[in-house]
Amino acid sequence: MKKKEAVKIDIVSLHDDGYGLSADGKHGVFGSLPGETVISHPITRRRKRLFSRADVVDLPAGNRVEPRCSAAGYCGGCSLQHMSTESQLNFKQDQLRREFAFSMPDEWLIPLSESVFNYRSKARLGVKYVDKKGRVLVGFREKMKPYIADIDTCHVLREPVATLIGPLSDLIGKLSNPRSIPQIEVAIGEPDTALIFRHLEPLIERELDLFRVFGQQWGVEVYLQPGNPDSVYQLFPENGNERLYYRLPEYDLTFSFHPMDFTQVNLEINRKMVRLALALLQVSAADHVLDAFCGIGNFSLAIARSVKTVLGLEGLSSSVERARENALHNNVTNVRFEIVDLFAQQRQLPDFGVFNKVLIDPPRSGALELCKKLASSSVERVVYVSCNPKTLATDASLLVEKGYQLRKLGIIDMFPHTTHVESIALFTR
């Protein structure tokens, strides 16, 4: 078969990574749905599977919708814009069901969802000068390709960045060497926005002025990163405090964070998620709660509003510093934060003795060692927030094996139009 030869394929299923599969599994087609017949052109071959993009859909599925973005078929920022929102939620919940075949919950929670566009407040945009186009491209990488998708607007990014793709391209194109900027980190707070430009070569004063003018013109804070993440500094405004903010108004909390800090990408979903986590914990004035992988205190401070004490544990010193800063700023005095390696062996982890409730929100790798220790504890109620169904299922199996009951489980649509599956689970003794 020639590399660019069009292929007609019947799609029978949808892979967890968002592409349609042929009956023999030899073809993976982006932009297709089960039940469709598509005409596609191959883009790459990996692990004996030929990947392509659906160029023509002969028989569209009933749950197909018209993508808002014209680049949805090839931009790697989204995978499922051609699928209805309800179907996306079902697709993600089905993944969770498969992972938990060993122990179904007593109750499936209604999926947490919000607006599916203009939601993303954190992102890393690629930057590349393309000789054939004679200009700079800014955006997400193409699906299974090293190229930057050619877009001028991104419908999933929050404003103002959603409509700054073109101006960013123009800005970098004015530099002496546009190839010296490989990426831009985006961090959007309430209401301010920060852009962190990684640059591989020193910038002269004329170029620094370009960045300052850009920041002033578009009302964004400009940061530069000449080296590793510790080298990041604020260029504009000149006397800025290097902080952004977001709010949890239900708990009268305002969080400050550095643009390079980890924060949830979807502010509206985060508010709903915190509310749900506290409801599942059934927080009361007598509780002593442990918040593992607490970050900058996103859950800890909200929990502290309703309980006796909270201990937040986190491995990153910068996050713990910010969490303490936020506790002080919000006058929350019944919480403390400590730096702890939560991936250490069980014997090095703190005891659960004084805590009757625990919240866990680990990275994709899960919390295996912590759950091993937790499984043998007397903690009465555990809420686990996960960004990876597979590691959640692995950790959950340890808890269930030691007598915990999986009471509730459900998905959180933190990243609409992507295959990312966030979920939340409740375990009780």
Protein backbone atom coordinates (compact mmCIF):
# COMPACT_ATOMS: atom_id res chain seq x y z
CA MET A 1 0.00 0.00 0.00
CA LYS A 2 1.29 3.43 -0.86
CA LYS A 3 1.74 5.77 2.07
CA LYS A 4 -0.89 8.29 0.93
CA GLU A 5 -3.37 5.89 -0.65
CA ALA A 6 -6.95 6.46 0.52
CA VAL A 7 -8.51 3.59 2.44
CA LYS A 8 -12.17 2.75 3.02
CA ILE A 9 -12.70 1.40 6.53
CA ASP A 10 -15.65 0.18 8.57
CA ILE A 11 -15.30 1.31 12.18
CA VAL A 12 -16.49 -1.20 14.79
CA SER A 13 -15.19 0.17 18.11
CA LEU A 14 -13.51 3.13 19.78
CA HIS A 15 -10.08 2.77 21.36
CA ASP A 16 -9.50 4.33 24.79
CA ASP A 17 -7.17 6.80 23.06
CA GLY A 18 -10.09 8.14 21.02
CA TYR A 19 -9.56 6.66 17.55
CA GLY A 20 -11.89 4.27 15.75
CA LEU A 21 -10.80 0.69 15.14
CA SER A 22 -11.42 -1.64 12.20
CA ALA A 23 -12.73 -5.15 12.86
CA ASP A 24 -9.25 -6.68 12.47
CA GLY A 25 -7.66 -4.01 14.65
CA LYS A 26 -5.14 -3.13 11.96
CA HIS A 27 -6.52 0.35 11.32
CA GLY A 28 -6.90 3.21 13.78
CA VAL A 29 -8.81 6.21 12.43
CA PHE A 30 -8.89 9.58 14.15
CA GLY A 31 -12.16 11.47 13.84
CA SER A 32 -14.26 8.33 13.38
CA LEU A 33 -16.96 6.64 15.48
CA PRO A 34 -18.25 3.06 15.79
CA GLY A 35 -20.74 2.17 13.08
CA GLU A 36 -19.27 4.58 10.53
CA THR A 37 -17.73 3.88 7.16
CA VAL A 38 -14.94 6.34 6.45
CA ILE A 39 -12.47 7.22 3.72
CA SER A 40 -9.12 8.08 5.26
CA HIS A 41 -5.50 8.77 4.37
CA PRO A 42 -2.72 7.12 6.42
CA ILE A 43 -0.51 9.37 8.55
CA THR A 44 1.76 6.89 10.37
CA ARG A 45 2.24 3.24 11.31
CA ARG A 46 2.92 2.17 14.86
CA ARG A 47 3.05 -1.30 16.40
CA LYS A 48 1.61 -2.99 13.32
CA ARG A 49 -1.36 -0.60 13.24
CA LEU A 50 -1.89 1.90 10.42
CA PHE A 51 -3.19 5.24 11.71
CA SER A 52 -5.13 7.65 9.54
CA ARG A 53 -7.55 10.57 9.67
CA ALA A 54 -11.17 10.35 8.59
CA ASP A 55 -11.41 12.63 5.53
CA VAL A 56 -14.87 11.54 4.36
CA VAL A 57 -17.59 9.88 6.44
CA ASP A 58 -19.90 7.89 4.18
CA LEU A 59 -22.25 6.73 6.92
CA PRO A 60 -22.10 9.04 9.96
CA ALA A 61 -22.99 7.67 13.39
CA GLY A 62 -26.03 9.04 15.20
CA ASN A 63 -23.87 10.58 17.93
CA ARG A 64 -21.64 12.49 15.51
CA VAL A 65 -21.64 16.29 15.80
CA GLU A 66 -19.93 18.99 13.77
CA PRO A 67 -16.70 20.04 15.54
CA ARG A 68 -16.56 23.71 16.43
CA CYS A 69 -12.85 23.80 15.53
CA SER A 70 -11.84 23.32 11.90
CA ALA A 71 -8.58 21.73 13.08
CA ALA A 72 -10.25 19.13 15.31
CA GLY A 73 -9.43 16.37 12.85
CA TYR A 74 -5.67 16.78 13.16
CA CYS A 75 -4.92 18.92 16.23
CA GLY A 76 -3.79 16.88 19.21
CA GLY A 77 -5.37 19.28 21.70
CA CYS A 78 -8.72 17.48 21.27
CA SER A 79 -9.68 13.94 20.31
CA LEU A 80 -13.47 13.81 20.56
CA GLN A 81 -14.95 17.09 19.29
CA HIS A 82 -16.81 15.10 16.64
CA MET A 83 -18.67 13.13 19.36
CA SER A 84 -21.69 14.43 21.28
CA THR A 85 -21.08 15.49 24.86
CA GLU A 86 -23.35 12.75 26.23
CA SER A 87 -21.44 10.12 24.23
CA GLN A 88 -18.11 11.45 25.47
CA LEU A 89 -19.30 11.05 29.06
CA ASN A 90 -20.53 7.51 28.35
CA PHE A 91 -17.23 6.66 26.65
CA LYS A 92 -15.28 7.73 29.73
CA GLN A 93 -17.63 6.02 32.15
CA ASP A 94 -17.35 2.79 30.15
CA GLN A 95 -13.58 2.87 30.65
CA LEU A 96 -14.10 3.19 34.38
CA ARG A 97 -16.60 0.30 34.36
CA ARG A 98 -14.13 -1.98 32.61
CA GLU A 99 -11.36 -1.19 35.09
CA PHE A 100 -13.68 -1.91 38.02
CA ALA A 101 -15.08 -5.22 36.79
CA PHE A 102 -13.53 -6.76 39.93
CA SER A 103 -15.69 -4.66 42.28
CA MET A 104 -18.62 -2.56 41.14
CA PRO A 105 -19.68 0.35 43.38
CA ASP A 106 -22.94 0.37 45.26
CA GLU A 107 -23.79 3.55 43.33
CA TRP A 108 -22.60 5.17 40.12
CA LEU A 109 -22.38 8.93 40.53
CA ILE A 110 -23.85 11.29 37.95
CA PRO A 111 -20.91 12.59 35.86
CA LEU A 112 -19.63 16.03 36.85
CA SER A 113 -19.69 18.23 33.75
CA GLU A 114 -19.73 21.90 32.80
CA SER A 115 -19.16 23.99 29.69
CA VAL A 116 -17.18 21.99 27.14
CA PHE A 117 -15.57 25.04 25.50
CA ASN A 118 -13.57 28.00 26.84
CA TYR A 119 -12.66 25.94 29.92
CA ARG A 120 -8.94 25.21 29.89
CA SER A 121 -6.88 27.51 32.12
CA LYS A 122 -3.57 25.59 32.02
CA ALA A 123 -1.77 24.42 28.89
CA ARG A 124 1.59 24.05 27.21
CA LEU A 125 1.61 25.38 23.66
CA GLY A 126 4.26 24.32 21.19
CA VAL A 127 6.02 26.94 19.04
CA LYS A 128 7.83 26.36 15.74
CA TYR A 129 9.01 28.47 12.82
CA VAL A 130 7.98 26.64 9.64
CA ASP A 131 10.11 27.47 6.62
CA LYS A 132 7.55 26.29 4.06
CA LYS A 133 4.91 28.59 5.55
CA GLY A 134 7.36 31.41 6.27
CA ARG A 135 5.85 32.01 9.71
CA VAL A 136 5.61 30.83 13.28
CA LEU A 137 2.99 28.29 14.34
CA VAL A 138 1.69 28.30 17.92
CA GLY A 139 -0.61 25.63 19.33
CA PHE A 140 -0.88 21.97 20.22
CA ARG A 141 0.97 19.27 18.29
CA GLU A 142 -0.81 17.31 15.60
CA LYS A 143 -2.10 13.83 16.38
CA MET A 144 0.83 11.38 16.26
CA LYS A 145 2.99 13.97 14.51
CA PRO A 146 5.79 16.29 15.70
CA TYR A 147 4.26 19.24 13.82
CA ILE A 148 2.38 22.13 15.42
CA ALA A 149 -1.26 22.30 14.32
CA ASP A 150 -1.93 25.36 12.16
CA ILE A 151 -4.66 27.23 14.05
CA ASP A 152 -5.51 30.86 14.82
CA THR A 153 -8.07 30.20 17.59
CA CYS A 154 -8.43 27.49 20.22
CA HIS A 155 -11.97 26.89 21.44
CA VAL A 156 -11.04 24.89 24.54
CA LEU A 157 -8.60 27.45 25.96
CA ARG A 158 -10.08 30.16 28.14
CA GLU A 159 -10.08 33.74 26.99
CA PRO A 160 -8.03 35.74 26.39
CA VAL A 161 -5.57 33.06 25.24
CA ALA A 162 -8.19 31.36 23.06
CA THR A 163 -7.93 34.22 20.56
CA LEU A 164 -4.25 35.10 21.07
CA ILE A 165 -2.79 32.32 18.89
CA GLY A 166 -2.37 34.65 15.90
CA PRO A 167 -0.92 37.57 17.88
CA LEU A 168 1.51 35.19 19.63
CA SER A 169 2.66 33.92 16.25
CA ASP A 170 3.23 37.50 15.08
CA LEU A 171 5.11 38.39 18.27
CA ILE A 172 7.57 35.52 18.04
CA GLY A 173 7.98 36.09 14.31
CA LYS A 174 9.45 39.53 15.09
CA LEU A 175 12.35 38.09 17.12
CA SER A 176 15.86 37.94 15.68
CA ASN A 177 15.62 34.13 15.87
CA PRO A 178 12.01 32.90 16.08
CA ARG A 179 13.35 29.36 16.46
CA SER A 180 14.66 30.25 19.92
CA ILE A 181 11.15 29.96 21.45
CA PRO A 182 10.05 26.29 21.66
CA GLN A 183 7.04 26.56 23.97
CA ILE A 184 4.68 28.81 25.91
CA GLU A 185 3.16 27.82 29.25
CA VAL A 186 -0.35 29.19 29.79
CA ALA A 187 -1.78 29.88 33.24
CA ILE A 188 -5.11 31.69 33.60
CA GLY A 189 -6.45 32.87 36.93
CA GLU A 190 -9.32 35.09 37.99
CA PRO A 191 -9.03 37.50 36.29
CA ASP A 192 -5.35 37.63 35.29
CA THR A 193 -3.49 35.59 32.68
CA ALA A 194 0.20 34.65 32.57
CA LEU A 195 2.25 33.48 29.60
CA ILE A 196 5.67 31.91 30.25
CA PHE A 197 7.96 31.95 27.21
CA ARG A 198 10.77 29.39 27.17
CA HIS A 199 13.71 30.82 25.22
CA LEU A 200 16.88 29.00 24.22
CA GLU A 201 18.94 32.11 23.42
CA PRO A 202 19.40 35.40 25.32
CA LEU A 203 16.95 38.12 24.31
CA ILE A 204 18.21 41.61 23.48
CA GLU A 205 16.53 44.74 24.83
CA ARG A 206 14.56 45.35 21.62
CA GLU A 207 13.03 41.89 21.96
CA LEU A 208 12.29 42.35 25.64
CA ASP A 209 10.42 45.51 24.70
CA LEU A 210 8.35 43.49 22.20
CA PHE A 211 7.23 41.20 25.02
CA ARG A 212 6.45 44.14 27.30
CA VAL A 213 4.36 45.84 24.61
CA PHE A 214 2.54 42.55 23.94
CA GLY A 215 1.70 42.18 27.63
CA GLN A 216 0.39 45.72 27.84
CA GLN A 217 -1.57 45.51 24.59
CA TRP A 218 -3.34 42.25 25.43
CA GLY A 219 -3.56 42.62 29.21
CA VAL A 220 -1.48 39.56 30.08
CA GLU A 221 1.44 39.01 32.42
CA VAL A 222 4.65 37.99 30.65
CA TYR A 223 7.22 35.63 32.16
CA LEU A 224 10.48 34.42 30.64
CA GLN A 225 12.21 31.08 31.19
CA PRO A 226 15.85 31.14 30.03
CA GLY A 227 16.75 27.80 31.66
CA ASN A 228 15.18 25.22 33.97
CA PRO A 229 11.84 25.90 35.71
CA ASP A 230 13.64 27.66 38.58
CA SER A 231 14.84 30.32 36.12
CA VAL A 232 11.33 31.65 35.43
CA TYR A 233 10.90 35.35 36.19
CA GLN A 234 8.27 38.01 35.54
CA LEU A 235 9.10 40.55 32.84
CA PHE A 236 5.78 42.39 32.69
CA PRO A 237 4.36 44.05 34.67
CA GLU A 238 7.70 45.07 36.13
CA ASN A 239 6.58 45.18 39.77
CA GLY A 240 4.24 42.17 39.69
CA ASN A 241 3.99 39.81 42.66
CA GLU A 242 4.30 36.64 40.53
CA ARG A 243 0.91 35.34 41.65
CA LEU A 244 -2.37 34.45 40.00
CA TYR A 245 -5.59 33.72 41.87
CA TYR A 246 -8.67 31.54 41.73
CA ARG A 247 -11.65 31.37 44.07
CA LEU A 248 -13.82 28.79 45.79
CA PRO A 249 -16.60 31.24 46.69
CA GLU A 250 -18.74 28.58 48.38
CA TYR A 251 -16.04 28.33 51.08
CA ASP A 252 -14.99 31.98 51.01
CA LEU A 253 -11.51 30.99 49.81
CA THR A 254 -9.10 32.70 47.45
CA PHE A 255 -6.03 30.76 46.33
CA SER A 256 -2.84 32.39 45.13
CA PHE A 257 -0.47 30.42 42.92
CA HIS A 258 2.64 30.93 40.85
CA PRO A 259 1.96 30.41 37.12
CA MET A 260 4.24 27.35 37.19
CA ASP A 261 2.38 25.74 40.12
CA PHE A 262 0.09 22.79 39.50
CA THR A 263 -3.57 23.80 39.61
CA GLN A 264 -6.67 22.16 38.14
CA VAL A 265 -7.18 23.10 34.50
CA ASN A 266 -10.93 23.56 34.72
CA LEU A 267 -12.01 26.11 37.35
CA GLU A 268 -15.76 25.44 37.17
CA ILE A 269 -15.31 21.67 37.39
CA ASN A 270 -12.85 22.15 40.24
CA ARG A 271 -15.52 23.97 42.25
CA LYS A 272 -17.98 21.14 41.67
CA MET A 273 -15.32 18.54 42.44
CA VAL A 274 -14.41 20.11 45.79
CA ARG A 275 -18.08 20.31 46.74
CA LEU A 276 -18.61 16.64 45.83
CA ALA A 277 -15.48 15.49 47.68
CA LEU A 278 -16.63 17.19 50.88
CA ALA A 279 -20.11 15.73 50.52
CA LEU A 280 -18.67 12.22 50.09
CA LEU A 281 -16.39 12.69 53.10
CA GLN A 282 -19.43 13.79 55.12
CA VAL A 283 -17.27 16.32 56.95
CA SER A 284 -18.27 17.29 60.47
CA ALA A 285 -16.87 19.40 63.30
CA ALA A 286 -15.37 16.38 65.07
CA ASP A 287 -13.33 15.08 62.12
CA HIS A 288 -9.57 14.85 61.79
CA VAL A 289 -8.81 14.67 58.06
CA LEU A 290 -5.66 13.80 56.13
CA ASP A 291 -5.33 15.32 52.65
CA ALA A 292 -2.66 13.38 50.75
CA PHE A 293 -1.08 15.00 47.66
CA CYS A 294 -2.62 18.27 48.86
CA GLY A 295 -0.89 20.57 46.36
CA ILE A 296 -1.49 24.22 47.18
CA GLY A 297 -4.37 23.35 49.52
CA ASN A 298 -7.22 23.11 47.02
CA PHE A 299 -9.15 20.52 49.08
CA SER A 300 -7.46 21.07 52.45
CA LEU A 301 -8.67 24.60 53.08
CA ALA A 302 -12.23 23.85 52.02
CA ILE A 303 -12.29 20.78 54.29
CA ALA A 304 -10.86 22.85 57.15
CA ARG A 305 -13.91 25.11 57.09
CA SER A 306 -16.02 22.23 58.48
CA VAL A 307 -13.75 19.95 60.56
CA LYS A 308 -11.60 19.99 63.69
CA THR A 309 -8.16 19.57 62.04
CA VAL A 310 -6.63 18.93 58.64
CA LEU A 311 -3.13 17.76 57.75
CA GLY A 312 -2.04 18.29 54.14
CA LEU A 313 0.87 16.22 52.84
CA GLU A 314 2.75 16.97 49.63
CA GLY A 315 6.13 16.06 48.17
CA LEU A 316 6.83 19.37 46.45
CA SER A 317 8.24 22.02 48.78
CA SER A 318 7.00 24.83 46.51
CA SER A 319 3.42 23.52 46.77
CA VAL A 320 3.64 23.23 50.55
CA GLU A 321 4.97 26.78 50.73
CA ARG A 322 2.03 27.99 48.65
CA ALA A 323 -0.47 25.98 50.72
CA ARG A 324 0.82 27.60 53.91
CA GLU A 325 0.64 30.98 52.20
CA ASN A 326 -2.99 30.33 51.27
CA ALA A 327 -3.93 29.16 54.76
CA LEU A 328 -2.49 32.36 56.21
CA HIS A 329 -4.14 34.57 53.59
CA ASN A 330 -7.55 32.97 54.21
CA ASN A 331 -7.11 32.95 58.00
CA VAL A 332 -7.52 29.16 58.22
CA THR A 333 -5.83 28.12 61.46
CA ASN A 334 -6.87 24.47 61.92
CA VAL A 335 -4.75 23.15 59.02
CA ARG A 336 -1.05 22.44 58.70
CA PHE A 337 1.04 21.31 55.77
CA GLU A 338 4.12 19.08 55.67
CA ILE A 339 6.58 17.96 53.01
CA VAL A 340 6.42 14.15 52.74
CA ASP A 341 7.49 11.73 50.02
CA LEU A 342 4.19 9.94 49.50
CA PHE A 343 5.80 7.44 47.13
CA ALA A 344 8.15 6.14 49.83
CA GLN A 345 7.91 2.63 51.28
CA GLN A 346 5.11 2.04 53.79
CA ARG A 347 7.38 2.19 56.84
CA GLN A 348 8.49 5.70 55.88
CA LEU A 349 4.97 7.03 55.52
CA PRO A 350 3.15 8.75 58.40
CA ASP A 351 0.65 6.79 60.49
CA PHE A 352 -3.08 7.27 60.02
CA GLY A 353 -3.72 6.90 63.78
CA VAL A 354 -5.44 10.19 64.61
CA PHE A 355 -7.33 10.55 61.32
CA ASN A 356 -10.83 9.23 60.79
CA LYS A 357 -11.16 10.45 57.20
CA VAL A 358 -8.71 10.66 54.29
CA LEU A 359 -8.73 12.35 50.89
CA ILE A 360 -6.24 11.25 48.21
CA ASP A 361 -5.59 13.12 44.96
CA PRO A 362 -2.40 11.62 43.45
CA PRO A 363 -0.78 12.05 40.02
CA ARG A 364 -1.32 9.53 37.22
CA SER A 365 1.04 7.03 38.84
CA GLY A 366 -1.42 6.56 41.70
CA ALA A 367 -0.77 6.07 45.41
CA LEU A 368 0.17 2.40 45.75
CA GLU A 369 2.39 2.56 48.84
CA LEU A 370 0.05 4.95 50.61
CA CYS A 371 -2.95 2.70 49.89
CA LYS A 372 -1.05 -0.35 51.17
CA LYS A 373 -0.69 1.39 54.50
CA LEU A 374 -4.18 2.88 54.42
CA ALA A 375 -5.68 -0.57 53.74
CA SER A 376 -4.55 -1.75 57.19
CA SER A 377 -5.71 1.39 59.02
CA SER A 378 -8.93 2.11 60.88
CA VAL A 379 -9.79 5.17 58.76
CA GLU A 380 -13.56 5.05 58.36
CA ARG A 381 -14.01 7.05 55.14
CA VAL A 382 -11.72 7.51 52.10
CA VAL A 383 -12.33 9.74 49.08
CA TYR A 384 -9.96 9.09 46.18
CA VAL A 385 -9.76 11.62 43.32
CA SER A 386 -7.98 10.11 40.33
CA CYS A 387 -6.68 11.17 36.92
CA ASN A 388 -5.95 7.59 35.80
CA PRO A 389 -8.60 4.82 35.97
CA LYS A 390 -5.98 2.08 35.81
CA THR A 391 -4.00 3.18 38.86
CA LEU A 392 -7.23 3.99 40.70
CA ALA A 393 -8.41 0.43 40.08
CA THR A 394 -5.07 -1.00 41.27
CA ASP A 395 -5.15 1.05 44.46
CA ALA A 396 -8.85 0.36 45.00
CA SER A 397 -8.28 -3.40 44.80
CA LEU A 398 -5.90 -3.14 47.77
CA LEU A 399 -8.48 -1.29 49.84
CA VAL A 400 -11.30 -3.68 48.91
CA GLU A 401 -9.13 -6.71 49.65
CA LYS A 402 -8.60 -5.40 53.20
CA GLY A 403 -12.25 -4.82 53.93
CA TYR A 404 -13.13 -1.43 52.50
CA GLN A 405 -16.41 -1.19 50.59
CA LEU A 406 -16.53 0.71 47.31
CA ARG A 407 -19.63 2.79 47.88
CA LYS A 408 -19.65 5.35 45.08
CA LEU A 409 -17.75 5.92 41.85
CA GLY A 410 -18.07 8.32 38.95
CA ILE A 411 -16.30 10.40 36.34
CA ILE A 412 -15.35 14.05 36.44
CA ASP A 413 -15.19 15.65 32.98
CA MET A 414 -12.18 17.83 33.74
CA PHE A 415 -10.95 17.73 30.10
CA PRO A 416 -13.91 17.77 27.66
CA HIS A 417 -13.16 16.64 24.09
CA THR A 418 -10.12 14.66 25.25
CA THR A 419 -9.71 11.03 26.30
CA HIS A 420 -8.48 12.04 29.74
CA VAL A 421 -10.60 10.35 32.42
CA GLU A 422 -10.80 11.96 35.85
CA SER A 423 -12.85 10.15 38.48
CA ILE A 424 -13.78 10.09 42.17
CA ALA A 425 -14.44 7.14 44.46
CA LEU A 426 -15.75 6.71 48.00
CA PHE A 427 -14.64 3.83 50.26
CA THR A 428 -15.95 3.11 53.75
CA ARG A 429 -15.30 0.53 56.44
